[in-house]
Amino acid sequence: MPETWNKRERERNKREKKKQKMEKKEERKHNKGHHDWTDMLAYVDENGNLSSKPTDHSH
């Protein structure tokens, strides 16, 4: 029985989705746990407010 156009399209779409899923999986695997620890630091200014940047103590 010959393959229909619709069946070929479904198979092509399925392969594309599987490829995209594998690429996302590899990307997540590659980026897992490799965040810079300095991104997690919080600084406290002279008023007790939290900031993501250190205060300048040059004065």
N, C-alpha and C. Protein backbone atom coordinates (compact mmCIF):
# COMPACT_ATOMS: atom_id res chain seq x y z
N MET A 1 0.84 -1.18 0.00
CA MET A 1 0.00 0.00 0.00
C MET A 1 0.89 1.25 0.00
N PRO A 2 0.71 2.17 -0.93
CA PRO A 2 1.55 3.35 -1.00
C PRO A 2 1.32 4.30 0.17
N GLU A 3 2.37 5.00 0.49
CA GLU A 3 2.31 5.95 1.60
C GLU A 3 1.60 7.22 1.14
N THR A 4 0.71 7.74 1.94
CA THR A 4 -0.02 8.95 1.57
C THR A 4 0.78 10.18 1.96
N TRP A 5 0.42 11.29 1.35
CA TRP A 5 1.10 12.55 1.65
C TRP A 5 0.94 12.91 3.12
N ASN A 6 -0.24 12.71 3.66
CA ASN A 6 -0.52 13.04 5.06
C ASN A 6 0.35 12.21 6.01
N LYS A 7 0.50 10.95 5.69
CA LYS A 7 1.31 10.07 6.54
C LYS A 7 2.78 10.52 6.52
N ARG A 8 3.28 10.88 5.33
CA ARG A 8 4.66 11.37 5.24
C ARG A 8 4.83 12.64 6.06
N GLU A 9 3.86 13.54 5.98
CA GLU A 9 3.92 14.79 6.74
C GLU A 9 3.93 14.52 8.24
N ARG A 10 3.08 13.61 8.70
CA ARG A 10 3.04 13.27 10.13
C ARG A 10 4.38 12.71 10.59
N GLU A 11 4.94 11.82 9.79
CA GLU A 11 6.24 11.23 10.12
C GLU A 11 7.34 12.30 10.14
N ARG A 12 7.32 13.20 9.18
CA ARG A 12 8.31 14.28 9.13
C ARG A 12 8.18 15.18 10.36
N ASN A 13 6.93 15.53 10.72
CA ASN A 13 6.70 16.37 11.89
C ASN A 13 7.15 15.66 13.17
N LYS A 14 6.91 14.37 13.23
CA LYS A 14 7.31 13.60 14.41
C LYS A 14 8.83 13.60 14.55
N ARG A 15 9.55 13.42 13.42
CA ARG A 15 11.01 13.45 13.46
C ARG A 15 11.53 14.82 13.89
N GLU A 16 10.89 15.88 13.37
CA GLU A 16 11.30 17.24 13.73
C GLU A 16 11.12 17.50 15.22
N LYS A 17 9.97 17.11 15.76
CA LYS A 17 9.70 17.30 17.19
C LYS A 17 10.68 16.52 18.04
N LYS A 18 10.99 15.30 17.62
CA LYS A 18 11.93 14.48 18.36
C LYS A 18 13.33 15.12 18.34
N LYS A 19 13.72 15.65 17.19
CA LYS A 19 15.01 16.32 17.06
C LYS A 19 15.08 17.54 17.97
N GLN A 20 14.02 18.35 17.97
CA GLN A 20 13.98 19.53 18.81
C GLN A 20 14.03 19.16 20.29
N LYS A 21 13.33 18.10 20.65
CA LYS A 21 13.32 17.65 22.04
C LYS A 21 14.71 17.20 22.48
N MET A 22 15.40 16.49 21.62
CA MET A 22 16.76 16.04 21.94
C MET A 22 17.71 17.23 22.07
N GLU A 23 17.56 18.23 21.19
CA GLU A 23 18.40 19.43 21.26
C GLU A 23 18.18 20.17 22.57
N LYS A 24 16.91 20.30 22.98
CA LYS A 24 16.61 20.96 24.25
C LYS A 24 17.17 20.17 25.42
N LYS A 25 17.07 18.85 25.34
CA LYS A 25 17.59 17.99 26.41
C LYS A 25 19.10 18.17 26.54
N GLU A 26 19.80 18.19 25.42
CA GLU A 26 21.25 18.37 25.43
C GLU A 26 21.63 19.75 25.98
N GLU A 27 20.85 20.76 25.60
CA GLU A 27 21.12 22.11 26.08
C GLU A 27 20.94 22.19 27.60
N ARG A 28 19.87 21.59 28.10
CA ARG A 28 19.65 21.58 29.55
C ARG A 28 20.77 20.82 30.26
N LYS A 29 21.17 19.71 29.68
CA LYS A 29 22.22 18.88 30.26
C LYS A 29 23.54 19.66 30.30
N HIS A 30 23.80 20.41 29.24
CA HIS A 30 25.04 21.18 29.14
C HIS A 30 25.06 22.33 30.14
N ASN A 31 23.93 23.00 30.36
CA ASN A 31 23.87 24.17 31.22
C ASN A 31 23.58 23.84 32.68
N LYS A 32 23.35 22.60 33.00
CA LYS A 32 22.96 22.21 34.35
C LYS A 32 24.07 22.47 35.36
N GLY A 33 23.78 23.30 36.35
CA GLY A 33 24.70 23.52 37.46
C GLY A 33 25.93 24.33 37.13
N HIS A 34 25.98 25.00 36.02
CA HIS A 34 27.17 25.76 35.66
C HIS A 34 26.96 27.26 35.80
N HIS A 35 26.16 27.65 36.77
CA HIS A 35 25.94 29.07 36.99
C HIS A 35 27.07 29.62 37.85
N ASP A 36 27.41 30.85 37.61
CA ASP A 36 28.48 31.49 38.36
C ASP A 36 27.99 31.76 39.78
N TRP A 37 28.77 31.41 40.77
CA TRP A 37 28.34 31.57 42.16
C TRP A 37 28.18 33.04 42.53
N THR A 38 28.85 33.93 41.82
CA THR A 38 28.71 35.36 42.14
C THR A 38 27.32 35.89 41.77
N ASP A 39 26.60 35.17 40.92
CA ASP A 39 25.23 35.58 40.59
C ASP A 39 24.30 35.44 41.78
N MET A 40 24.68 34.63 42.75
CA MET A 40 23.84 34.41 43.91
C MET A 40 24.15 35.36 45.06
N LEU A 41 25.16 36.21 44.94
CA LEU A 41 25.53 37.10 46.02
C LEU A 41 24.55 38.27 46.13
N ALA A 42 24.31 38.69 47.37
CA ALA A 42 23.52 39.89 47.64
C ALA A 42 24.35 40.78 48.55
N TYR A 43 24.33 42.06 48.29
CA TYR A 43 25.09 43.02 49.07
C TYR A 43 24.13 43.89 49.88
N VAL A 44 24.59 44.35 51.03
CA VAL A 44 23.78 45.23 51.88
C VAL A 44 24.45 46.59 51.90
N ASP A 45 23.67 47.63 51.57
CA ASP A 45 24.24 48.98 51.59
C ASP A 45 24.18 49.55 53.00
N GLU A 46 24.62 50.81 53.17
CA GLU A 46 24.69 51.43 54.50
C GLU A 46 23.31 51.63 55.13
N ASN A 47 22.25 51.60 54.32
CA ASN A 47 20.89 51.75 54.84
C ASN A 47 20.22 50.41 55.11
N GLY A 48 20.92 49.32 54.87
CA GLY A 48 20.37 47.99 55.12
C GLY A 48 19.56 47.44 53.97
N ASN A 49 19.63 48.06 52.81
CA ASN A 49 18.90 47.58 51.63
C ASN A 49 19.74 46.58 50.86
N LEU A 50 19.09 45.56 50.34
CA LEU A 50 19.79 44.54 49.55
C LEU A 50 19.99 45.04 48.13
N SER A 51 21.13 44.67 47.55
CA SER A 51 21.47 45.07 46.20
C SER A 51 22.24 43.95 45.53
N SER A 52 22.20 43.91 44.21
CA SER A 52 22.96 42.90 43.49
C SER A 52 24.36 43.40 43.15
N LYS A 53 24.64 44.69 43.42
CA LYS A 53 25.95 45.28 43.13
C LYS A 53 26.60 45.74 44.42
N PRO A 54 27.91 45.56 44.56
CA PRO A 54 28.59 46.02 45.77
C PRO A 54 28.58 47.56 45.85
N THR A 55 28.56 48.05 47.08
CA THR A 55 28.60 49.51 47.26
C THR A 55 30.01 50.01 47.11
N ASP A 56 30.15 51.25 46.70
CA ASP A 56 31.44 51.87 46.50
C ASP A 56 31.87 52.54 47.82
N HIS A 57 32.96 52.07 48.43
CA HIS A 57 33.42 52.57 49.72
C HIS A 57 34.63 53.48 49.55
N SER A 58 34.75 54.17 48.42
CA SER A 58 35.92 54.99 48.16
C SER A 58 35.86 56.36 48.83
N HIS A 59 34.74 56.74 49.43
CA HIS A 59 34.65 58.07 50.05
C HIS A 59 34.99 58.08 51.49
